[in-house]
Amino acid sequence: MRWMVLCFLTLLWGCNTGTPYFWSRPAASVMVEGVAFDVRQRGFRVEAVRRSFLATPDKHRIILQAAEAIHQVTQCRNIAITKADPSVIEGHLRCGFN
């Protein structure tokens, strides 16, 4: 029984931690059209992790919402999406940062 609880908690912990490259970065939580995202930035690379449950997510719409979430956090509109699935969207910022 303890193993089941431990497995469940491990899976629950992994729901919004992001990908390993971004683990060291703090997340900024953003809502776009009722969908919650955690956005993490490391240099010019950025990821948005969808936290809201959607029964049938539309990948194209999620990408647009994630891009808006990234813009809200980074103030950069020029984003090249490099990887995308309905839960995790990664991209490169094409704006200058100090």
N, C-alpha and C. Protein backbone atom coordinates (compact mmCIF):
# COMPACT_ATOMS: atom_id res chain seq x y z
N MET A 1 0.82 -1.19 0.00
CA MET A 1 0.00 0.00 0.00
C MET A 1 0.86 1.26 0.00
N ARG A 2 1.95 1.23 0.79
CA ARG A 2 2.83 2.40 0.82
C ARG A 2 3.45 2.66 -0.54
N TRP A 3 3.77 1.59 -1.26
CA TRP A 3 4.37 1.76 -2.59
C TRP A 3 3.39 2.41 -3.56
N MET A 4 2.12 2.06 -3.43
CA MET A 4 1.12 2.68 -4.30
C MET A 4 1.01 4.17 -4.02
N VAL A 5 1.01 4.54 -2.75
CA VAL A 5 0.93 5.96 -2.38
C VAL A 5 2.17 6.68 -2.87
N LEU A 6 3.33 6.08 -2.68
CA LEU A 6 4.58 6.69 -3.13
C LEU A 6 4.59 6.87 -4.65
N CYS A 7 4.14 5.88 -5.38
CA CYS A 7 4.07 5.99 -6.84
C CYS A 7 3.11 7.10 -7.26
N PHE A 8 1.96 7.16 -6.61
CA PHE A 8 0.98 8.19 -6.92
C PHE A 8 1.55 9.58 -6.66
N LEU A 9 2.20 9.77 -5.52
CA LEU A 9 2.78 11.07 -5.20
C LEU A 9 3.90 11.44 -6.16
N THR A 10 4.68 10.45 -6.58
CA THR A 10 5.74 10.71 -7.55
C THR A 10 5.15 11.17 -8.88
N LEU A 11 4.11 10.51 -9.33
CA LEU A 11 3.45 10.91 -10.57
C LEU A 11 2.82 12.29 -10.44
N LEU A 12 2.21 12.55 -9.31
CA LEU A 12 1.59 13.84 -9.07
C LEU A 12 2.64 14.94 -9.05
N TRP A 13 3.78 14.69 -8.44
CA TRP A 13 4.86 15.66 -8.37
C TRP A 13 5.37 15.98 -9.77
N GLY A 14 5.37 15.02 -10.66
CA GLY A 14 5.89 15.21 -11.99
C GLY A 14 4.95 15.89 -12.96
N CYS A 15 3.75 16.20 -12.54
CA CYS A 15 2.77 16.76 -13.47
C CYS A 15 3.16 18.12 -14.03
N ASN A 16 3.78 18.97 -13.25
CA ASN A 16 4.09 20.31 -13.75
C ASN A 16 5.52 20.74 -13.46
N THR A 17 6.43 19.80 -13.37
CA THR A 17 7.81 20.17 -13.07
C THR A 17 8.57 20.63 -14.30
N GLY A 18 8.04 20.41 -15.47
CA GLY A 18 8.75 20.82 -16.67
C GLY A 18 9.79 19.79 -17.08
N THR A 19 10.53 20.13 -18.10
CA THR A 19 11.56 19.22 -18.60
C THR A 19 12.86 19.44 -17.82
N PRO A 20 13.75 18.45 -17.79
CA PRO A 20 14.96 18.54 -16.97
C PRO A 20 15.80 19.80 -17.22
N TYR A 21 15.88 20.27 -18.45
CA TYR A 21 16.69 21.46 -18.76
C TYR A 21 16.22 22.67 -17.96
N PHE A 22 14.94 22.74 -17.64
CA PHE A 22 14.37 23.91 -16.98
C PHE A 22 14.11 23.71 -15.49
N TRP A 23 14.48 22.56 -14.93
CA TRP A 23 14.19 22.29 -13.52
C TRP A 23 14.76 23.34 -12.58
N SER A 24 15.90 23.90 -12.91
CA SER A 24 16.53 24.87 -12.01
C SER A 24 15.89 26.25 -12.08
N ARG A 25 14.99 26.46 -13.00
CA ARG A 25 14.38 27.78 -13.20
C ARG A 25 13.03 27.87 -12.50
N PRO A 26 12.74 29.01 -11.89
CA PRO A 26 11.43 29.18 -11.27
C PRO A 26 10.34 29.31 -12.33
N ALA A 27 9.15 28.90 -11.98
CA ALA A 27 8.03 28.97 -12.92
C ALA A 27 7.18 30.20 -12.63
N ALA A 28 6.74 30.83 -13.70
CA ALA A 28 5.76 31.92 -13.60
C ALA A 28 4.43 31.35 -14.06
N SER A 29 3.42 31.44 -13.23
CA SER A 29 2.10 30.91 -13.57
C SER A 29 1.28 31.97 -14.29
N VAL A 30 0.67 31.57 -15.42
CA VAL A 30 -0.08 32.49 -16.26
C VAL A 30 -1.37 31.80 -16.70
N MET A 31 -2.45 32.58 -16.79
CA MET A 31 -3.72 32.08 -17.33
C MET A 31 -3.96 32.74 -18.68
N VAL A 32 -4.27 31.94 -19.69
CA VAL A 32 -4.61 32.44 -21.01
C VAL A 32 -5.91 31.76 -21.43
N GLU A 33 -6.95 32.55 -21.60
CA GLU A 33 -8.26 32.03 -22.01
C GLU A 33 -8.72 30.88 -21.12
N GLY A 34 -8.48 31.00 -19.82
CA GLY A 34 -8.91 29.98 -18.87
C GLY A 34 -8.01 28.77 -18.76
N VAL A 35 -6.90 28.75 -19.47
CA VAL A 35 -5.95 27.64 -19.43
C VAL A 35 -4.71 28.10 -18.66
N ALA A 36 -4.30 27.33 -17.65
CA ALA A 36 -3.16 27.68 -16.82
C ALA A 36 -1.87 27.10 -17.39
N PHE A 37 -0.81 27.91 -17.40
CA PHE A 37 0.50 27.49 -17.87
C PHE A 37 1.54 27.88 -16.83
N ASP A 38 2.58 27.05 -16.70
CA ASP A 38 3.79 27.41 -15.98
C ASP A 38 4.84 27.69 -17.04
N VAL A 39 5.40 28.89 -17.00
CA VAL A 39 6.39 29.29 -18.00
C VAL A 39 7.74 29.40 -17.32
N ARG A 40 8.75 28.78 -17.91
CA ARG A 40 10.13 28.84 -17.41
C ARG A 40 11.04 29.31 -18.53
N GLN A 41 12.00 30.15 -18.16
CA GLN A 41 12.95 30.66 -19.15
C GLN A 41 14.37 30.40 -18.68
N ARG A 42 15.20 30.00 -19.62
CA ARG A 42 16.62 29.81 -19.35
C ARG A 42 17.36 30.35 -20.56
N GLY A 43 17.89 31.56 -20.43
CA GLY A 43 18.52 32.22 -21.57
C GLY A 43 17.48 32.53 -22.62
N PHE A 44 17.76 32.14 -23.85
CA PHE A 44 16.82 32.36 -24.94
C PHE A 44 15.84 31.20 -25.10
N ARG A 45 16.03 30.13 -24.33
CA ARG A 45 15.10 29.00 -24.41
C ARG A 45 13.99 29.18 -23.39
N VAL A 46 12.81 28.72 -23.76
CA VAL A 46 11.64 28.90 -22.91
C VAL A 46 10.71 27.70 -23.08
N GLU A 47 9.96 27.39 -22.02
CA GLU A 47 8.96 26.33 -22.12
C GLU A 47 7.70 26.76 -21.38
N ALA A 48 6.59 26.29 -21.88
CA ALA A 48 5.30 26.50 -21.23
C ALA A 48 4.68 25.12 -20.98
N VAL A 49 4.37 24.84 -19.74
CA VAL A 49 3.76 23.56 -19.36
C VAL A 49 2.29 23.84 -19.02
N ARG A 50 1.39 23.20 -19.75
CA ARG A 50 -0.04 23.37 -19.49
C ARG A 50 -0.41 22.63 -18.22
N ARG A 51 -1.06 23.33 -17.29
CA ARG A 51 -1.46 22.72 -16.02
C ARG A 51 -2.94 22.40 -15.97
N SER A 52 -3.72 22.98 -16.82
CA SER A 52 -5.17 22.76 -16.81
C SER A 52 -5.53 21.47 -17.54
N PHE A 53 -6.51 20.76 -17.01
CA PHE A 53 -7.00 19.56 -17.67
C PHE A 53 -7.93 19.96 -18.81
N LEU A 54 -7.71 19.39 -19.97
CA LEU A 54 -8.60 19.57 -21.11
C LEU A 54 -8.92 18.18 -21.64
N ALA A 55 -10.19 17.85 -21.76
CA ALA A 55 -10.59 16.51 -22.19
C ALA A 55 -10.10 16.20 -23.60
N THR A 56 -10.27 17.14 -24.51
CA THR A 56 -9.81 16.96 -25.90
C THR A 56 -9.07 18.22 -26.34
N PRO A 57 -7.80 18.34 -25.96
CA PRO A 57 -7.07 19.56 -26.29
C PRO A 57 -6.80 19.67 -27.79
N ASP A 58 -6.99 20.87 -28.32
CA ASP A 58 -6.68 21.18 -29.70
C ASP A 58 -5.23 21.67 -29.73
N LYS A 59 -4.34 20.89 -30.33
CA LYS A 59 -2.91 21.19 -30.30
C LYS A 59 -2.60 22.58 -30.85
N HIS A 60 -3.21 22.95 -31.96
CA HIS A 60 -2.95 24.25 -32.56
C HIS A 60 -3.35 25.38 -31.60
N ARG A 61 -4.52 25.24 -31.00
CA ARG A 61 -4.99 26.27 -30.06
C ARG A 61 -4.09 26.34 -28.82
N ILE A 62 -3.67 25.19 -28.32
CA ILE A 62 -2.78 25.15 -27.16
C ILE A 62 -1.46 25.86 -27.48
N ILE A 63 -0.92 25.64 -28.68
CA ILE A 63 0.33 26.29 -29.06
C ILE A 63 0.15 27.81 -29.07
N LEU A 64 -0.95 28.29 -29.62
CA LEU A 64 -1.21 29.73 -29.64
C LEU A 64 -1.36 30.29 -28.21
N GLN A 65 -2.05 29.55 -27.36
CA GLN A 65 -2.21 29.99 -25.97
C GLN A 65 -0.87 29.97 -25.23
N ALA A 66 -0.06 28.95 -25.48
CA ALA A 66 1.26 28.87 -24.85
C ALA A 66 2.14 30.02 -25.31
N ALA A 67 2.09 30.36 -26.59
CA ALA A 67 2.87 31.49 -27.11
C ALA A 67 2.44 32.78 -26.42
N GLU A 68 1.16 32.95 -26.19
CA GLU A 68 0.68 34.14 -25.48
C GLU A 68 1.16 34.13 -24.03
N ALA A 69 1.14 32.97 -23.39
CA ALA A 69 1.64 32.87 -22.01
C ALA A 69 3.13 33.22 -21.96
N ILE A 70 3.89 32.72 -22.92
CA ILE A 70 5.32 33.03 -22.98
C ILE A 70 5.52 34.53 -23.17
N HIS A 71 4.72 35.13 -24.04
CA HIS A 71 4.81 36.58 -24.25
C HIS A 71 4.52 37.35 -22.96
N GLN A 72 3.50 36.94 -22.22
CA GLN A 72 3.16 37.63 -20.98
C GLN A 72 4.30 37.59 -19.97
N VAL A 73 5.04 36.49 -19.94
CA VAL A 73 6.13 36.35 -18.98
C VAL A 73 7.40 37.03 -19.46
N THR A 74 7.73 36.88 -20.74
CA THR A 74 9.02 37.37 -21.26
C THR A 74 8.95 38.72 -21.95
N GLN A 75 7.74 39.17 -22.29
CA GLN A 75 7.54 40.39 -23.08
C GLN A 75 8.12 40.29 -24.48
N CYS A 76 8.31 39.08 -24.96
CA CYS A 76 8.84 38.84 -26.31
C CYS A 76 7.75 38.20 -27.15
N ARG A 77 7.44 38.81 -28.29
CA ARG A 77 6.42 38.26 -29.20
C ARG A 77 7.04 37.37 -30.27
N ASN A 78 8.31 37.51 -30.52
CA ASN A 78 8.98 36.76 -31.58
C ASN A 78 9.51 35.45 -31.00
N ILE A 79 8.69 34.41 -31.07
CA ILE A 79 9.00 33.11 -30.46
C ILE A 79 9.00 32.04 -31.54
N ALA A 80 10.08 31.29 -31.62
CA ALA A 80 10.15 30.16 -32.55
C ALA A 80 9.85 28.90 -31.75
N ILE A 81 8.71 28.28 -32.02
CA ILE A 81 8.34 27.04 -31.32
C ILE A 81 9.20 25.91 -31.88
N THR A 82 9.91 25.21 -30.99
CA THR A 82 10.80 24.14 -31.43
C THR A 82 10.23 22.75 -31.15
N LYS A 83 9.45 22.61 -30.09
CA LYS A 83 8.80 21.34 -29.75
C LYS A 83 7.42 21.66 -29.22
N ALA A 84 6.47 20.82 -29.57
CA ALA A 84 5.12 21.07 -29.05
C ALA A 84 4.32 19.78 -28.98
N ASP A 85 3.68 19.58 -27.86
CA ASP A 85 2.65 18.58 -27.72
C ASP A 85 1.55 19.24 -26.89
N PRO A 86 0.45 18.61 -26.64
CA PRO A 86 -0.63 19.29 -25.93
C PRO A 86 -0.31 19.69 -24.48
N SER A 87 0.82 19.23 -23.94
CA SER A 87 1.15 19.55 -22.55
C SER A 87 2.37 20.44 -22.40
N VAL A 88 3.40 20.23 -23.20
CA VAL A 88 4.65 20.97 -23.07
C VAL A 88 5.01 21.60 -24.40
N ILE A 89 5.24 22.91 -24.38
CA ILE A 89 5.62 23.64 -25.58
C ILE A 89 6.96 24.30 -25.29
N GLU A 90 7.96 24.06 -26.14
CA GLU A 90 9.27 24.67 -25.98
C GLU A 90 9.55 25.57 -27.17
N GLY A 91 10.35 26.60 -26.92
CA GLY A 91 10.68 27.51 -28.00
C GLY A 91 11.93 28.31 -27.72
N HIS A 92 12.33 29.07 -28.73
CA HIS A 92 13.46 30.00 -28.65
C HIS A 92 12.92 31.41 -28.75
N LEU A 93 13.39 32.28 -27.87
CA LEU A 93 13.02 33.69 -27.95
C LEU A 93 13.93 34.36 -28.96
N ARG A 94 13.35 35.20 -29.79
CA ARG A 94 14.14 35.93 -30.78
C ARG A 94 14.11 37.42 -30.48
N CYS A 95 14.22 37.74 -29.20
CA CYS A 95 14.29 39.12 -28.74
C CYS A 95 15.59 39.28 -27.97
N GLY A 96 16.14 40.46 -27.97
CA GLY A 96 17.38 40.70 -27.24
C GLY A 96 17.14 40.84 -25.75
N PHE A 97 17.97 40.20 -24.95
CA PHE A 97 17.91 40.31 -23.49
C PHE A 97 19.29 40.65 -22.98
N ASN A 98 19.33 41.36 -21.87
CA ASN A 98 20.62 41.71 -21.25
C ASN A 98 21.07 40.60 -20.35
